[in-house]
C-alpha atoms as a PDB file:
ATOM      1  CA  UNK A   1      -4.919 -45.154 114.878  1.00  0.00           C
ATOM      2  CA  UNK A   2      -6.493 -46.837 112.212  1.00  0.00           C
ATOM      3  CA  UNK A   3      -7.090 -43.869 110.537  1.00  0.00           C
ATOM      4  CA  UNK A   4      -3.284 -43.454 110.575  1.00  0.00           C
ATOM      5  CA  UNK A   5      -2.546 -46.701 109.022  1.00  0.00           C
ATOM      6  CA  UNK A   6      -5.345 -46.545 106.194  1.00  0.00           C
ATOM      7  CA  UNK A   7      -3.564 -42.998 105.493  1.00  0.00           C
ATOM      8  CA  UNK A   8       0.068 -44.681 105.471  1.00  0.00           C
ATOM      9  CA  UNK A   9      -1.550 -47.764 103.636  1.00  0.00           C
ATOM     10  CA  UNK A  10      -3.321 -45.905 100.934  1.00  0.00           C
ATOM     11  CA  UNK A  11       0.194 -43.454 100.613  1.00  0.00           C
ATOM     12  CA  UNK A  12       2.122 -46.542  99.986  1.00  0.00           C
ATOM     13  CA  UNK A  13       0.059 -48.033  97.456  1.00  0.00           C
ATOM     14  CA  UNK A  14      -0.396 -44.344  95.698  1.00  0.00           C
ATOM     15  CA  UNK A  15       3.516 -43.678  95.568  1.00  0.00           C
ATOM     16  CA  UNK A  16       4.652 -47.259  94.893  1.00  0.00           C
ATOM     17  CA  UNK A  17       1.690 -48.121  92.570  1.00  0.00           C
ATOM     18  CA  UNK A  18       2.666 -45.478  89.882  1.00  0.00           C
ATOM     19  CA  UNK A  19       6.285 -46.391  90.708  1.00  0.00           C
ATOM     20  CA  UNK A  20       5.809 -50.269  89.862  1.00  0.00           C
ATOM     21  CA  UNK A  21       4.160 -49.679  86.165  1.00  0.00           C
ATOM     22  CA  UNK A  22       6.694 -47.126  84.972  1.00  0.00           C
ATOM     23  CA  UNK A  23       9.695 -49.218  85.912  1.00  0.00           C
ATOM     24  CA  UNK A  24       7.332 -52.154  84.211  1.00  0.00           C
ATOM     25  CA  UNK A  25       7.613 -50.256  81.353  1.00  0.00           C
ATOM     26  CA  UNK A  26      11.032 -49.462  81.579  1.00  0.00           C
ATOM     27  CA  UNK A  27      11.991 -52.717  82.095  1.00  0.00           C
ATOM     28  CA  UNK A  28       9.532 -54.250  78.946  1.00  0.00           C
ATOM     29  CA  UNK A  29      11.035 -51.743  76.886  1.00  0.00           C
ATOM     30  CA  UNK A  30      14.417 -52.288  77.531  1.00  0.00           C
ATOM     31  CA  UNK A  31      13.761 -55.860  77.368  1.00  0.00           C
ATOM     32  CA  UNK A  32      12.309 -55.585  73.807  1.00  0.00           C
ATOM     33  CA  UNK A  33      14.872 -53.331  72.358  1.00  0.00           C
ATOM     34  CA  UNK A  34      17.651 -56.218  73.330  1.00  0.00           C
ATOM     35  CA  UNK A  35      15.853 -58.427  71.208  1.00  0.00           C
ATOM     36  CA  UNK A  36      15.778 -61.054  74.411  1.00  0.00           C
ATOM     37  CA  UNK A  37      12.755 -63.875  74.554  1.00  0.00           C
ATOM     38  CA  UNK A  38       9.946 -63.400  76.360  1.00  0.00           C
ATOM     39  CA  UNK A  39       8.546 -66.091  78.846  1.00  0.00           C
ATOM     40  CA  UNK A  40       5.271 -67.353  77.502  1.00  0.00           C
ATOM     41  CA  UNK A  41       2.735 -64.699  78.104  1.00  0.00           C
ATOM     42  CA  UNK A  42       4.612 -61.594  78.937  1.00  0.00           C
ATOM     43  CA  UNK A  43       5.262 -60.263  75.391  1.00  0.00           C
ATOM     44  CA  UNK A  44       2.126 -57.949  75.933  1.00  0.00           C
ATOM     45  CA  UNK A  45       3.767 -56.291  79.260  1.00  0.00           C
ATOM     46  CA  UNK A  46       0.519 -56.734  81.417  1.00  0.00           C
ATOM     47  CA  UNK A  47       0.142 -58.137  84.383  1.00  0.00           C
ATOM     48  CA  UNK A  48       2.164 -61.079  83.276  1.00  0.00           C
ATOM     49  CA  UNK A  49       4.846 -59.475  82.877  1.00  0.00           C
ATOM     50  CA  UNK A  50       4.351 -57.681  86.358  1.00  0.00           C
ATOM     51  CA  UNK A  51       4.470 -61.059  87.767  1.00  0.00           C
ATOM     52  CA  UNK A  52       7.537 -62.067  85.847  1.00  0.00           C
ATOM     53  CA  UNK A  53       8.838 -58.961  87.428  1.00  0.00           C
ATOM     54  CA  UNK A  54       8.109 -59.533  90.747  1.00  0.00           C
ATOM     55  CA  UNK A  55       9.341 -63.359  90.353  1.00  0.00           C
ATOM     56  CA  UNK A  56      13.125 -61.873  89.429  1.00  0.00           C
ATOM     57  CA  UNK A  57      12.705 -63.403  86.066  1.00  0.00           C
ATOM     58  CA  UNK A  58      15.126 -60.633  84.737  1.00  0.00           C
ATOM     59  CA  UNK A  59      18.106 -62.041  86.838  1.00  0.00           C
ATOM     60  CA  UNK A  60      18.599 -64.230  83.385  1.00  0.00           C
ATOM     61  CA  UNK A  61      20.259 -61.553  81.006  1.00  0.00           C
ATOM     62  CA  UNK A  62      22.619 -60.911  83.671  1.00  0.00           C
ATOM     63  CA  UNK A  63      22.303 -56.895  82.392  1.00  0.00           C
ATOM     64  CA  UNK A  64      23.161 -54.441  84.443  1.00  0.00           C
ATOM     65  CA  UNK A  65      20.063 -51.785  82.693  1.00  0.00           C
ATOM     66  CA  UNK A  66      17.544 -54.541  83.282  1.00  0.00           C
ATOM     67  CA  UNK A  67      18.916 -55.709  86.622  1.00  0.00           C
ATOM     68  CA  UNK A  68      18.148 -51.903  87.559  1.00  0.00           C
ATOM     69  CA  UNK A  69      14.654 -51.568  86.301  1.00  0.00           C
ATOM     70  CA  UNK A  70      13.387 -54.740  86.887  1.00  0.00           C
ATOM     71  CA  UNK A  71      14.676 -54.532  90.571  1.00  0.00           C
ATOM     72  CA  UNK A  72      12.832 -51.314  91.238  1.00  0.00           C
ATOM     73  CA  UNK A  73       9.667 -52.648  89.037  1.00  0.00           C
ATOM     74  CA  UNK A  74       9.837 -55.876  91.386  1.00  0.00           C
ATOM     75  CA  UNK A  75      10.179 -54.208  94.717  1.00  0.00           C
ATOM     76  CA  UNK A  76       7.882 -51.309  94.468  1.00  0.00           C
ATOM     77  CA  UNK A  77       5.428 -54.053  92.672  1.00  0.00           C
ATOM     78  CA  UNK A  78       5.752 -56.117  95.689  1.00  0.00           C
ATOM     79  CA  UNK A  79       5.135 -52.807  98.205  1.00  0.00           C
ATOM     80  CA  UNK A  80       2.159 -51.842  96.228  1.00  0.00           C
ATOM     81  CA  UNK A  81       0.311 -55.015  96.265  1.00  0.00           C
ATOM     82  CA  UNK A  82       1.186 -55.769  99.859  1.00  0.00           C
ATOM     83  CA  UNK A  83      -0.171 -52.255 100.958  1.00  0.00           C
ATOM     84  CA  UNK A  84      -3.067 -52.634  98.822  1.00  0.00           C
ATOM     85  CA  UNK A  85      -4.604 -55.721 101.207  1.00  0.00           C
ATOM     86  CA  UNK A  86      -3.308 -53.681 103.812  1.00  0.00           C
ATOM     87  CA  UNK A  87      -5.425 -51.101 102.899  1.00  0.00           C
ATOM     88  CA  UNK A  88      -7.800 -53.652 102.028  1.00  0.00           C
ATOM     89  CA  UNK A  89      -8.020 -55.347 106.014  1.00  0.00           C
ATOM     90  CA  UNK A  90      -7.885 -51.560 107.358  1.00  0.00           C
ATOM     91  CA  UNK A  91     -11.081 -50.239 105.485  1.00  0.00           C
ATOM     92  CA  UNK A  92     -13.117 -54.457 106.066  1.00  0.00           C
ATOM     93  CA  UNK A  93     -12.046 -53.511 109.608  1.00  0.00           C
ATOM     94  CA  UNK A  94     -13.427 -49.751 110.075  1.00  0.00           C
ATOM     95  CA  UNK A  95     -16.664 -51.405 108.472  1.00  0.00           C
END
């Protein structure tokens, strides 16, 4: 059972992680193209922008496209984060 759970968690990280980075890139590009102000420290689009997306900061813009990119970036980011933690726990339990 542990092997299955580890495989499942690594699979979730492997699929949700790239989805998060892709949607984060699209959200950041859309954000920049629209000329909206960035929150402090999120201008470069790195981890701080990911955290901003996962806290649903994009809702303030009330833009349909930004909501689409931001929502999927946020959701896949949380899935990847939780799956990464679960995979780490599963590896630690196996050791």
